[in-house]
């Protein structure tokens, strides 16, 4: 019997093992030396809470599913009816087509057809590659339309360094600024993390802090990479999630609003733009018309184990 998430693509290298699914090109499993690095979902289950999903052509939410672009007013389906939002893009439940599957890598693609609310034809592509450096994920979008198209990219891994809860886990989050949201989880303001409970620029236990916010103004290394670390304890095993310079935001979420999985793991979602970017225009990418410079964008992030 076929799994709810379709075909399963297992890859491995240098002690790492991952499983990617046909449905949404989602990262269902990632482990190192048998130790889970993500809190995914079982083969007999479908993804819940966005677990492991790829979020394109936008991550997070669009208020009322309405936005304007190129002189047109557009309306997307409300995929989060409870909050009257369009949520997490148009590709996370689609059947992605296998492009190549090797021992240590798998690439999938999905042609996003022009449709009501997003009238552009865009090819989406994702490559998962395992090496001694861990998992590298590269997400690419190519505009096939004769008009410019709005675009943003994200992903939704839940990080795990043990059975949970996350309270005793040590978190380093290199962000100076937190986005503040309303009751629909849409941004309304932002604040410095200075002097707040959300300042994790120096590693410390998560404690009772509840996360469901986007963070920006990220500290980066000389190559523009921002890195989040999570450890089971100050000296225990852990992991690092890194995001390239295209990812200006990290959404951090402890699922306190989901009793079945609350604080079992911590989602750290690399995003090129935060919620409502199709309306605000902030950090929104524009894919140039097909055949023009800038008609393609490619972004990368990844996860590696820490001893």
C-alpha atoms as a PDB file:
ATOM      1  CA  UNK A   1       0.000   0.000   0.000  1.00  0.00           C
ATOM      2  CA  UNK A   2       1.311   3.451  -0.898  1.00  0.00           C
ATOM      3  CA  UNK A   3       2.084   5.794   2.008  1.00  0.00           C
ATOM      4  CA  UNK A   4      -0.176   8.852   2.484  1.00  0.00           C
ATOM      5  CA  UNK A   5       2.784  11.015   1.467  1.00  0.00           C
ATOM      6  CA  UNK A   6       3.410   8.987  -1.686  1.00  0.00           C
ATOM      7  CA  UNK A   7       6.736   7.593  -2.793  1.00  0.00           C
ATOM      8  CA  UNK A   8       9.571   7.653  -0.248  1.00  0.00           C
ATOM      9  CA  UNK A   9      13.148   8.548  -1.211  1.00  0.00           C
ATOM     10  CA  UNK A  10      15.832   7.457   1.273  1.00  0.00           C
ATOM     11  CA  UNK A  11      19.362   8.857   1.060  1.00  0.00           C
ATOM     12  CA  UNK A  12      22.431   8.414   3.272  1.00  0.00           C
ATOM     13  CA  UNK A  13      26.061   9.508   3.624  1.00  0.00           C
ATOM     14  CA  UNK A  14      28.712   9.888   6.343  1.00  0.00           C
ATOM     15  CA  UNK A  15      26.449   8.604   9.104  1.00  0.00           C
ATOM     16  CA  UNK A  16      23.437  10.686   8.043  1.00  0.00           C
ATOM     17  CA  UNK A  17      20.158   9.291   6.763  1.00  0.00           C
ATOM     18  CA  UNK A  18      17.165  11.177   5.387  1.00  0.00           C
ATOM     19  CA  UNK A  19      13.807  10.343   3.833  1.00  0.00           C
ATOM     20  CA  UNK A  20      12.065  12.744   1.461  1.00  0.00           C
ATOM     21  CA  UNK A  21       8.478  12.274   0.286  1.00  0.00           C
ATOM     22  CA  UNK A  22       6.691  12.696  -3.033  1.00  0.00           C
ATOM     23  CA  UNK A  23       4.036  14.789  -1.282  1.00  0.00           C
ATOM     24  CA  UNK A  24       5.336  18.335  -1.015  1.00  0.00           C
ATOM     25  CA  UNK A  25       8.961  17.178  -1.405  1.00  0.00           C
ATOM     26  CA  UNK A  26       8.891  17.064   2.394  1.00  0.00           C
ATOM     27  CA  UNK A  27      11.735  16.054   4.703  1.00  0.00           C
ATOM     28  CA  UNK A  28      10.088  13.210   6.627  1.00  0.00           C
ATOM     29  CA  UNK A  29      13.174  11.958   8.484  1.00  0.00           C
ATOM     30  CA  UNK A  30      16.719  13.110   9.207  1.00  0.00           C
ATOM     31  CA  UNK A  31      19.077  11.304  11.564  1.00  0.00           C
ATOM     32  CA  UNK A  32      22.773  11.106  12.351  1.00  0.00           C
ATOM     33  CA  UNK A  33      24.294   7.873  13.715  1.00  0.00           C
ATOM     34  CA  UNK A  34      20.749   6.768  14.472  1.00  0.00           C
ATOM     35  CA  UNK A  35      19.961   9.941  16.429  1.00  0.00           C
ATOM     36  CA  UNK A  36      16.928  11.859  15.074  1.00  0.00           C
ATOM     37  CA  UNK A  37      17.665  15.470  14.158  1.00  0.00           C
ATOM     38  CA  UNK A  38      14.137  16.361  13.108  1.00  0.00           C
ATOM     39  CA  UNK A  39      10.725  15.592  14.546  1.00  0.00           C
ATOM     40  CA  UNK A  40       9.073  14.440  11.346  1.00  0.00           C
ATOM     41  CA  UNK A  41       6.232  12.030  10.699  1.00  0.00           C
ATOM     42  CA  UNK A  42       5.855   8.290  10.275  1.00  0.00           C
ATOM     43  CA  UNK A  43       5.531   6.605   6.905  1.00  0.00           C
ATOM     44  CA  UNK A  44       1.908   5.669   7.628  1.00  0.00           C
ATOM     45  CA  UNK A  45       1.051   9.301   8.460  1.00  0.00           C
ATOM     46  CA  UNK A  46       0.646  12.517   6.531  1.00  0.00           C
ATOM     47  CA  UNK A  47       2.576  15.617   7.543  1.00  0.00           C
ATOM     48  CA  UNK A  48       0.979  17.584  10.373  1.00  0.00           C
ATOM     49  CA  UNK A  49       1.718  21.144  11.398  1.00  0.00           C
ATOM     50  CA  UNK A  50       3.751  21.659   8.219  1.00  0.00           C
ATOM     51  CA  UNK A  51       6.358  19.101   9.330  1.00  0.00           C
ATOM     52  CA  UNK A  52       9.231  18.997   6.885  1.00  0.00           C
ATOM     53  CA  UNK A  53       7.314  20.777   4.145  1.00  0.00           C
ATOM     54  CA  UNK A  54       8.667  23.126   1.479  1.00  0.00           C
ATOM     55  CA  UNK A  55       6.882  26.494   1.470  1.00  0.00           C
ATOM     56  CA  UNK A  56       6.739  28.090  -1.992  1.00  0.00           C
ATOM     57  CA  UNK A  57       5.852  30.478  -3.606  1.00  0.00           C
ATOM     58  CA  UNK A  58       5.427  32.014  -0.168  1.00  0.00           C
ATOM     59  CA  UNK A  59       5.974  30.926   3.459  1.00  0.00           C
ATOM     60  CA  UNK A  60       3.705  31.769   6.360  1.00  0.00           C
ATOM     61  CA  UNK A  61       0.490  33.756   5.865  1.00  0.00           C
ATOM     62  CA  UNK A  62      -1.163  36.279   3.549  1.00  0.00           C
ATOM     63  CA  UNK A  63      -3.913  38.337   5.176  1.00  0.00           C
ATOM     64  CA  UNK A  64      -7.308  37.417   3.693  1.00  0.00           C
ATOM     65  CA  UNK A  65      -5.423  35.838   0.785  1.00  0.00           C
ATOM     66  CA  UNK A  66      -5.577  39.204  -0.970  1.00  0.00           C
ATOM     67  CA  UNK A  67      -2.736  41.157  -2.514  1.00  0.00           C
ATOM     68  CA  UNK A  68      -1.907  43.338  -5.511  1.00  0.00           C
ATOM     69  CA  UNK A  69       0.925  42.839  -7.957  1.00  0.00           C
ATOM     70  CA  UNK A  70       1.667  44.203 -11.409  1.00  0.00           C
ATOM     71  CA  UNK A  71      -1.437  46.349 -11.388  1.00  0.00           C
ATOM     72  CA  UNK A  72      -3.772  43.453 -10.582  1.00  0.00           C
ATOM     73  CA  UNK A  73      -5.789  42.710  -7.454  1.00  0.00           C
ATOM     74  CA  UNK A  74      -5.593  38.995  -6.686  1.00  0.00           C
ATOM     75  CA  UNK A  75      -7.399  36.571  -4.381  1.00  0.00           C
ATOM     76  CA  UNK A  76      -5.897  33.281  -3.168  1.00  0.00           C
ATOM     77  CA  UNK A  77      -7.818  30.383  -1.601  1.00  0.00           C
ATOM     78  CA  UNK A  78      -8.046  30.653   2.191  1.00  0.00           C
ATOM     79  CA  UNK A  79      -6.101  27.587   3.283  1.00  0.00           C
ATOM     80  CA  UNK A  80      -6.173  28.662   6.926  1.00  0.00           C
ATOM     81  CA  UNK A  81      -9.906  29.410   7.263  1.00  0.00           C
ATOM     82  CA  UNK A  82      -9.740  29.649  11.063  1.00  0.00           C
ATOM     83  CA  UNK A  83      -7.679  32.834  10.721  1.00  0.00           C
ATOM     84  CA  UNK A  84      -8.916  33.809   7.250  1.00  0.00           C
ATOM     85  CA  UNK A  85      -5.435  33.565   5.736  1.00  0.00           C
ATOM     86  CA  UNK A  86      -3.744  31.931   2.761  1.00  0.00           C
ATOM     87  CA  UNK A  87      -1.025  29.828   4.342  1.00  0.00           C
ATOM     88  CA  UNK A  88       2.335  28.321   3.335  1.00  0.00           C
ATOM     89  CA  UNK A  89       2.184  28.490  -0.436  1.00  0.00           C
ATOM     90  CA  UNK A  90       0.758  26.273  -3.146  1.00  0.00           C
ATOM     91  CA  UNK A  91       3.116  23.289  -3.350  1.00  0.00           C
ATOM     92  CA  UNK A  92       3.238  21.570   0.032  1.00  0.00           C
ATOM     93  CA  UNK A  93       0.530  18.995  -0.764  1.00  0.00           C
ATOM     94  CA  UNK A  94       1.355  18.588  -4.454  1.00  0.00           C
ATOM     95  CA  UNK A  95       2.825  15.420  -5.946  1.00  0.00           C
ATOM     96  CA  UNK A  96       6.380  16.411  -6.859  1.00  0.00           C
ATOM     97  CA  UNK A  97       8.129  14.610  -9.723  1.00  0.00           C
ATOM     98  CA  UNK A  98      11.380  12.775  -9.103  1.00  0.00           C
ATOM     99  CA  UNK A  99      14.249  14.221 -11.140  1.00  0.00           C
ATOM    100  CA  UNK A 100      17.209  12.234  -9.814  1.00  0.00           C
ATOM    101  CA  UNK A 101      17.798   9.857  -6.902  1.00  0.00           C
ATOM    102  CA  UNK A 102      21.318   8.765  -5.928  1.00  0.00           C
ATOM    103  CA  UNK A 103      22.698   7.145  -2.787  1.00  0.00           C
ATOM    104  CA  UNK A 104      23.289  10.507  -1.098  1.00  0.00           C
ATOM    105  CA  UNK A 105      20.961  12.963  -2.862  1.00  0.00           C
ATOM    106  CA  UNK A 106      17.483  13.360  -4.278  1.00  0.00           C
ATOM    107  CA  UNK A 107      16.012  16.132  -6.401  1.00  0.00           C
ATOM    108  CA  UNK A 108      12.345  16.734  -7.144  1.00  0.00           C
ATOM    109  CA  UNK A 109      10.474  19.278  -9.232  1.00  0.00           C
ATOM    110  CA  UNK A 110       6.962  20.656  -9.475  1.00  0.00           C
ATOM    111  CA  UNK A 111       5.491  22.821 -12.198  1.00  0.00           C
ATOM    112  CA  UNK A 112       3.239  25.351 -10.493  1.00  0.00           C
ATOM    113  CA  UNK A 113       0.573  26.146 -13.055  1.00  0.00           C
ATOM    114  CA  UNK A 114      -0.911  29.591 -13.448  1.00  0.00           C
ATOM    115  CA  UNK A 115      -4.106  29.702 -11.411  1.00  0.00           C
ATOM    116  CA  UNK A 116      -6.612  31.944  -9.720  1.00  0.00           C
ATOM    117  CA  UNK A 117      -4.750  34.062  -7.197  1.00  0.00           C
ATOM    118  CA  UNK A 118      -1.292  33.249  -8.630  1.00  0.00           C
ATOM    119  CA  UNK A 119      -1.478  33.645 -12.443  1.00  0.00           C
ATOM    120  CA  UNK A 120       2.140  32.754 -13.204  1.00  0.00           C
ATOM    121  CA  UNK A 121       3.732  29.568 -14.479  1.00  0.00           C
ATOM    122  CA  UNK A 122       6.736  28.753 -12.268  1.00  0.00           C
ATOM    123  CA  UNK A 123       8.964  25.689 -12.074  1.00  0.00           C
ATOM    124  CA  UNK A 124       9.892  24.742  -8.503  1.00  0.00           C
ATOM    125  CA  UNK A 125      12.844  22.513  -7.704  1.00  0.00           C
ATOM    126  CA  UNK A 126      14.388  21.169  -4.494  1.00  0.00           C
ATOM    127  CA  UNK A 127      17.634  19.262  -3.992  1.00  0.00           C
ATOM    128  CA  UNK A 128      18.439  17.372  -0.787  1.00  0.00           C
ATOM    129  CA  UNK A 129      22.105  16.403  -0.494  1.00  0.00           C
ATOM    130  CA  UNK A 130      23.868  14.549   2.338  1.00  0.00           C
ATOM    131  CA  UNK A 131      27.607  14.698   3.015  1.00  0.00           C
ATOM    132  CA  UNK A 132      30.016  14.833   5.946  1.00  0.00           C
ATOM    133  CA  UNK A 133      28.735  18.404   6.424  1.00  0.00           C
ATOM    134  CA  UNK A 134      25.204  17.149   7.013  1.00  0.00           C
ATOM    135  CA  UNK A 135      22.113  17.976   4.976  1.00  0.00           C
ATOM    136  CA  UNK A 136      22.075  20.779   2.412  1.00  0.00           C
ATOM    137  CA  UNK A 137      18.737  21.804   0.910  1.00  0.00           C
ATOM    138  CA  UNK A 138      18.640  23.988  -2.203  1.00  0.00           C
ATOM    139  CA  UNK A 139      15.292  25.436  -3.296  1.00  0.00           C
ATOM    140  CA  UNK A 140      14.966  26.983  -6.748  1.00  0.00           C
ATOM    141  CA  UNK A 141      12.176  28.782  -8.603  1.00  0.00           C
ATOM    142  CA  UNK A 142      12.227  29.582 -12.325  1.00  0.00           C
ATOM    143  CA  UNK A 143       9.654  31.882 -13.902  1.00  0.00           C
ATOM    144  CA  UNK A 144       8.267  30.520 -17.190  1.00  0.00           C
ATOM    145  CA  UNK A 145       5.769  33.375 -17.626  1.00  0.00           C
ATOM    146  CA  UNK A 146       6.153  36.452 -19.803  1.00  0.00           C
ATOM    147  CA  UNK A 147       5.435  38.663 -16.784  1.00  0.00           C
ATOM    148  CA  UNK A 148       7.322  39.243 -13.535  1.00  0.00           C
ATOM    149  CA  UNK A 149       6.088  37.103 -10.627  1.00  0.00           C
ATOM    150  CA  UNK A 150       6.168  37.640  -6.832  1.00  0.00           C
ATOM    151  CA  UNK A 151       8.012  34.980  -4.859  1.00  0.00           C
ATOM    152  CA  UNK A 152       9.248  34.024  -1.404  1.00  0.00           C
ATOM    153  CA  UNK A 153      10.679  30.758  -0.127  1.00  0.00           C
ATOM    154  CA  UNK A 154      10.612  28.862   3.139  1.00  0.00           C
ATOM    155  CA  UNK A 155      10.835  25.451   4.785  1.00  0.00           C
ATOM    156  CA  UNK A 156       9.345  23.941   7.936  1.00  0.00           C
ATOM    157  CA  UNK A 157      11.675  21.541   9.800  1.00  0.00           C
ATOM    158  CA  UNK A 158      11.007  20.731  13.455  1.00  0.00           C
ATOM    159  CA  UNK A 159      14.353  20.272  15.211  1.00  0.00           C
ATOM    160  CA  UNK A 160      14.868  17.598  17.847  1.00  0.00           C
ATOM    161  CA  UNK A 161      17.719  16.711  20.198  1.00  0.00           C
ATOM    162  CA  UNK A 162      15.826  14.332  22.442  1.00  0.00           C
ATOM    163  CA  UNK A 163      12.378  13.210  23.563  1.00  0.00           C
ATOM    164  CA  UNK A 164      11.388  16.678  24.837  1.00  0.00           C
ATOM    165  CA  UNK A 165       9.955  18.800  26.238  1.00  0.00           C
ATOM    166  CA  UNK A 166      12.158  21.571  24.916  1.00  0.00           C
ATOM    167  CA  UNK A 167      12.351  23.481  28.211  1.00  0.00           C
ATOM    168  CA  UNK A 168      15.782  22.182  29.208  1.00  0.00           C
ATOM    169  CA  UNK A 169      17.267  22.375  25.717  1.00  0.00           C
ATOM    170  CA  UNK A 170      19.953  24.987  25.078  1.00  0.00           C
ATOM    171  CA  UNK A 171      19.149  27.373  22.212  1.00  0.00           C
ATOM    172  CA  UNK A 172      21.308  29.876  20.365  1.00  0.00           C
ATOM    173  CA  UNK A 173      19.297  32.180  18.104  1.00  0.00           C
ATOM    174  CA  UNK A 174      21.454  34.914  16.487  1.00  0.00           C
ATOM    175  CA  UNK A 175      18.651  37.463  15.985  1.00  0.00           C
ATOM    176  CA  UNK A 176      18.422  41.065  17.172  1.00  0.00           C
ATOM    177  CA  UNK A 177      14.761  41.664  16.297  1.00  0.00           C
ATOM    178  CA  UNK A 178      11.446  39.891  16.851  1.00  0.00           C
ATOM    179  CA  UNK A 179       8.300  40.406  14.779  1.00  0.00           C
ATOM    180  CA  UNK A 180       5.128  40.991  16.815  1.00  0.00           C
ATOM    181  CA  UNK A 181       1.834  39.597  15.566  1.00  0.00           C
ATOM    182  CA  UNK A 182      -1.917  39.981  16.070  1.00  0.00           C
ATOM    183  CA  UNK A 183      -4.381  37.206  16.886  1.00  0.00           C
ATOM    184  CA  UNK A 184      -4.237  36.064  13.247  1.00  0.00           C
ATOM    185  CA  UNK A 185      -0.454  35.649  13.529  1.00  0.00           C
ATOM    186  CA  UNK A 186       0.125  38.483  11.080  1.00  0.00           C
ATOM    187  CA  UNK A 187       2.891  41.043  11.704  1.00  0.00           C
ATOM    188  CA  UNK A 188       1.906  44.362  13.253  1.00  0.00           C
ATOM    189  CA  UNK A 189       5.186  45.638  14.736  1.00  0.00           C
ATOM    190  CA  UNK A 190       8.652  44.539  15.779  1.00  0.00           C
ATOM    191  CA  UNK A 191      10.894  44.962  18.774  1.00  0.00           C
ATOM    192  CA  UNK A 192      14.502  44.512  19.782  1.00  0.00           C
ATOM    193  CA  UNK A 193      15.133  41.343  21.762  1.00  0.00           C
ATOM    194  CA  UNK A 194      17.287  43.355  24.191  1.00  0.00           C
ATOM    195  CA  UNK A 195      16.003  42.901  27.721  1.00  0.00           C
ATOM    196  CA  UNK A 196      13.266  40.458  26.678  1.00  0.00           C
ATOM    197  CA  UNK A 197      12.776  36.752  27.210  1.00  0.00           C
ATOM    198  CA  UNK A 198      13.443  36.224  23.505  1.00  0.00           C
ATOM    199  CA  UNK A 199      17.118  37.133  23.614  1.00  0.00           C
ATOM    200  CA  UNK A 200      18.956  33.905  22.831  1.00  0.00           C
ATOM    201  CA  UNK A 201      21.996  35.452  21.173  1.00  0.00           C
ATOM    202  CA  UNK A 202      23.997  33.731  23.899  1.00  0.00           C
ATOM    203  CA  UNK A 203      23.098  30.075  24.385  1.00  0.00           C
ATOM    204  CA  UNK A 204      20.754  29.368  27.295  1.00  0.00           C
ATOM    205  CA  UNK A 205      17.905  26.994  28.199  1.00  0.00           C
ATOM    206  CA  UNK A 206      14.594  27.635  26.439  1.00  0.00           C
ATOM    207  CA  UNK A 207      12.777  27.408  29.764  1.00  0.00           C
ATOM    208  CA  UNK A 208       9.098  28.345  29.599  1.00  0.00           C
ATOM    209  CA  UNK A 209       9.435  30.730  26.636  1.00  0.00           C
ATOM    210  CA  UNK A 210       6.669  30.185  24.088  1.00  0.00           C
ATOM    211  CA  UNK A 211       7.786  30.764  20.505  1.00  0.00           C
ATOM    212  CA  UNK A 212       5.592  31.577  17.512  1.00  0.00           C
ATOM    213  CA  UNK A 213       7.415  34.540  16.015  1.00  0.00           C
ATOM    214  CA  UNK A 214       9.628  35.503  13.121  1.00  0.00           C
ATOM    215  CA  UNK A 215      13.095  36.883  13.889  1.00  0.00           C
ATOM    216  CA  UNK A 216      15.353  39.036  11.742  1.00  0.00           C
ATOM    217  CA  UNK A 217      18.524  41.161  11.839  1.00  0.00           C
ATOM    218  CA  UNK A 218      20.485  37.922  11.965  1.00  0.00           C
ATOM    219  CA  UNK A 219      24.154  37.728  12.890  1.00  0.00           C
ATOM    220  CA  UNK A 220      26.088  36.071  10.057  1.00  0.00           C
ATOM    221  CA  UNK A 221      29.546  34.728   9.376  1.00  0.00           C
ATOM    222  CA  UNK A 222      31.901  35.977   6.677  1.00  0.00           C
ATOM    223  CA  UNK A 223      29.976  34.028   4.036  1.00  0.00           C
ATOM    224  CA  UNK A 224      26.623  35.500   5.028  1.00  0.00           C
ATOM    225  CA  UNK A 225      25.423  32.379   6.824  1.00  0.00           C
ATOM    226  CA  UNK A 226      23.262  32.592   9.961  1.00  0.00           C
ATOM    227  CA  UNK A 227      23.343  29.577  12.304  1.00  0.00           C
ATOM    228  CA  UNK A 228      20.937  28.429  15.017  1.00  0.00           C
ATOM    229  CA  UNK A 229      22.090  25.759  17.469  1.00  0.00           C
ATOM    230  CA  UNK A 230      20.064  23.483  19.730  1.00  0.00           C
ATOM    231  CA  UNK A 231      21.600  21.166  22.318  1.00  0.00           C
ATOM    232  CA  UNK A 232      20.070  18.665  24.711  1.00  0.00           C
ATOM    233  CA  UNK A 233      22.081  20.347  27.486  1.00  0.00           C
ATOM    234  CA  UNK A 234      24.985  22.754  27.705  1.00  0.00           C
ATOM    235  CA  UNK A 235      27.485  19.971  27.011  1.00  0.00           C
ATOM    236  CA  UNK A 236      25.179  17.447  25.370  1.00  0.00           C
ATOM    237  CA  UNK A 237      24.710  16.456  21.732  1.00  0.00           C
ATOM    238  CA  UNK A 238      22.960  18.873  19.456  1.00  0.00           C
ATOM    239  CA  UNK A 239      22.474  20.201  15.979  1.00  0.00           C
ATOM    240  CA  UNK A 240      22.885  23.340  13.931  1.00  0.00           C
ATOM    241  CA  UNK A 241      20.513  24.781  11.352  1.00  0.00           C
ATOM    242  CA  UNK A 242      22.137  27.225   8.958  1.00  0.00           C
ATOM    243  CA  UNK A 243      20.591  29.529   6.358  1.00  0.00           C
ATOM    244  CA  UNK A 244      22.255  31.475   3.568  1.00  0.00           C
ATOM    245  CA  UNK A 245      22.148  35.239   3.026  1.00  0.00           C
ATOM    246  CA  UNK A 246      18.882  34.992   1.064  1.00  0.00           C
ATOM    247  CA  UNK A 247      17.059  33.910   4.216  1.00  0.00           C
ATOM    248  CA  UNK A 248      16.489  37.144   6.115  1.00  0.00           C
ATOM    249  CA  UNK A 249      14.029  35.629   8.578  1.00  0.00           C
ATOM    250  CA  UNK A 250      13.727  32.644  10.906  1.00  0.00           C
ATOM    251  CA  UNK A 251      10.326  31.629  12.254  1.00  0.00           C
ATOM    252  CA  UNK A 252      10.656  29.851  15.613  1.00  0.00           C
ATOM    253  CA  UNK A 253       7.717  27.811  16.923  1.00  0.00           C
ATOM    254  CA  UNK A 254       7.245  25.534  19.928  1.00  0.00           C
ATOM    255  CA  UNK A 255       3.652  24.451  19.058  1.00  0.00           C
ATOM    256  CA  UNK A 256       2.192  25.463  22.417  1.00  0.00           C
ATOM    257  CA  UNK A 257      -1.193  25.785  20.691  1.00  0.00           C
ATOM    258  CA  UNK A 258      -1.180  22.108  19.636  1.00  0.00           C
ATOM    259  CA  UNK A 259      -1.664  19.983  22.787  1.00  0.00           C
ATOM    260  CA  UNK A 260      -0.666  16.691  21.139  1.00  0.00           C
ATOM    261  CA  UNK A 261       2.796  17.943  20.149  1.00  0.00           C
ATOM    262  CA  UNK A 262       3.302  21.032  22.334  1.00  0.00           C
ATOM    263  CA  UNK A 263       6.977  21.660  23.173  1.00  0.00           C
ATOM    264  CA  UNK A 264       7.976  18.221  21.861  1.00  0.00           C
ATOM    265  CA  UNK A 265      10.366  19.874  19.405  1.00  0.00           C
ATOM    266  CA  UNK A 266      11.163  23.323  18.087  1.00  0.00           C
ATOM    267  CA  UNK A 267      10.473  24.410  14.535  1.00  0.00           C
ATOM    268  CA  UNK A 268      13.076  26.749  13.058  1.00  0.00           C
ATOM    269  CA  UNK A 269      11.868  27.823   9.638  1.00  0.00           C
ATOM    270  CA  UNK A 270      14.278  29.586   7.275  1.00  0.00           C
ATOM    271  CA  UNK A 271      12.335  32.166   5.225  1.00  0.00           C
ATOM    272  CA  UNK A 272      13.318  34.735   2.604  1.00  0.00           C
ATOM    273  CA  UNK A 273      10.445  36.950   3.798  1.00  0.00           C
ATOM    274  CA  UNK A 274       8.125  36.994   6.782  1.00  0.00           C
ATOM    275  CA  UNK A 275       4.358  36.713   6.823  1.00  0.00           C
ATOM    276  CA  UNK A 276       2.252  38.950   4.570  1.00  0.00           C
ATOM    277  CA  UNK A 277       5.159  39.847   2.258  1.00  0.00           C
ATOM    278  CA  UNK A 278       2.867  39.652  -0.795  1.00  0.00           C
ATOM    279  CA  UNK A 279       0.960  42.582   0.712  1.00  0.00           C
ATOM    280  CA  UNK A 280       3.738  44.533   2.420  1.00  0.00           C
ATOM    281  CA  UNK A 281       6.389  43.954  -0.241  1.00  0.00           C
ATOM    282  CA  UNK A 282       9.025  43.647   2.493  1.00  0.00           C
ATOM    283  CA  UNK A 283      11.848  41.327   1.360  1.00  0.00           C
ATOM    284  CA  UNK A 284       9.573  40.039  -1.414  1.00  0.00           C
ATOM    285  CA  UNK A 285      11.512  38.628  -4.351  1.00  0.00           C
ATOM    286  CA  UNK A 286      10.472  39.356  -7.926  1.00  0.00           C
ATOM    287  CA  UNK A 287      11.131  36.729 -10.566  1.00  0.00           C
ATOM    288  CA  UNK A 288      11.835  38.499 -13.860  1.00  0.00           C
ATOM    289  CA  UNK A 289       9.926  37.430 -17.001  1.00  0.00           C
ATOM    290  CA  UNK A 290      11.093  34.168 -18.542  1.00  0.00           C
ATOM    291  CA  UNK A 291      14.358  34.446 -20.429  1.00  0.00           C
ATOM    292  CA  UNK A 292      15.381  37.652 -18.638  1.00  0.00           C
ATOM    293  CA  UNK A 293      18.191  38.046 -16.100  1.00  0.00           C
ATOM    294  CA  UNK A 294      16.690  37.344 -12.683  1.00  0.00           C
ATOM    295  CA  UNK A 295      14.024  34.910 -13.870  1.00  0.00           C
ATOM    296  CA  UNK A 296      15.427  32.301 -11.443  1.00  0.00           C
ATOM    297  CA  UNK A 297      16.253  32.370  -7.748  1.00  0.00           C
ATOM    298  CA  UNK A 298      18.033  29.703  -5.718  1.00  0.00           C
ATOM    299  CA  UNK A 299      18.411  29.620  -1.921  1.00  0.00           C
ATOM    300  CA  UNK A 300      20.047  27.137   0.462  1.00  0.00           C
ATOM    301  CA  UNK A 301      19.840  26.031   4.080  1.00  0.00           C
ATOM    302  CA  UNK A 302      20.821  22.917   5.985  1.00  0.00           C
ATOM    303  CA  UNK A 303      21.148  20.908   9.184  1.00  0.00           C
ATOM    304  CA  UNK A 304      24.198  19.198  10.692  1.00  0.00           C
ATOM    305  CA  UNK A 305      24.793  17.237  13.878  1.00  0.00           C
ATOM    306  CA  UNK A 306      26.870  18.624  16.745  1.00  0.00           C
ATOM    307  CA  UNK A 307      28.744  16.331  19.149  1.00  0.00           C
END
